[in-house]
Amino acid sequence: MNIWKEGLKKIVIEEIKKQLRQKFDLPLDQKIIMVNTYGGMHLDKGWQFIVDLQKRLPHYYWLLVGQKNRYLDQALLQQYMKASDVFLFPSLAESFGMTPVEAICQGTPVVAFPVGVIPELIKHKVHGYIAKYKNLKDLEVGLKYVLTHKMKKISIFKYSIDTMTKNYLKIYENLYSQN
């Protein structure tokens, strides 16, 4: 017996990106580097790298999104991520780092230092670029690499609430069975 499954309607990512760029009056003909500015311009968030990279890479459009000490509406943040070509996360210290996970889930590759969840989240030069810690030149190389190479998307289900809950339950069950 053969079972024929209905094909999925293909969503054209580039068309969605174009529509969002038009909605937010962003350039259609430039590569967009997005940075989340929530929390302000702190050194531990890598602001010195952002300022230096803007000087080194002026031909890219720099999209700085967020408000100091106020969360941006989640749906709006995700739309900005979808409209961007890369998400720059130059943080020097993180316990987890949720915004790179959100960017990856929106199909936007991430360039970052190996802090928080980054080494687990990104396969270097496949889903994004992991720069050498505190290395400005390598961050620049990473941005250029991601903007000129096709990155693979990560399944959003890997970090869904259901998947994470099941993973935690397995850990607890293993710990319980060891006692």
Foldseek 3Di string as FASTA:
>chain_A
DDDDDDDDDDDDLLVLLVVLCVVVVHDPPAAEEEEEQEQHQDVQQPNVLVVVVCVVCVRHHYHYDYDYPDGDPPVVLLSVLSNHQAYEGAGQEDQADVVCLSSLQSVHAYEYAPYHCVVVPDDDLARFHHFHHPDSVRSNVRVVSSNVDPHDGDHNVCVDPVNVVVVVVVVVVVVVVVD
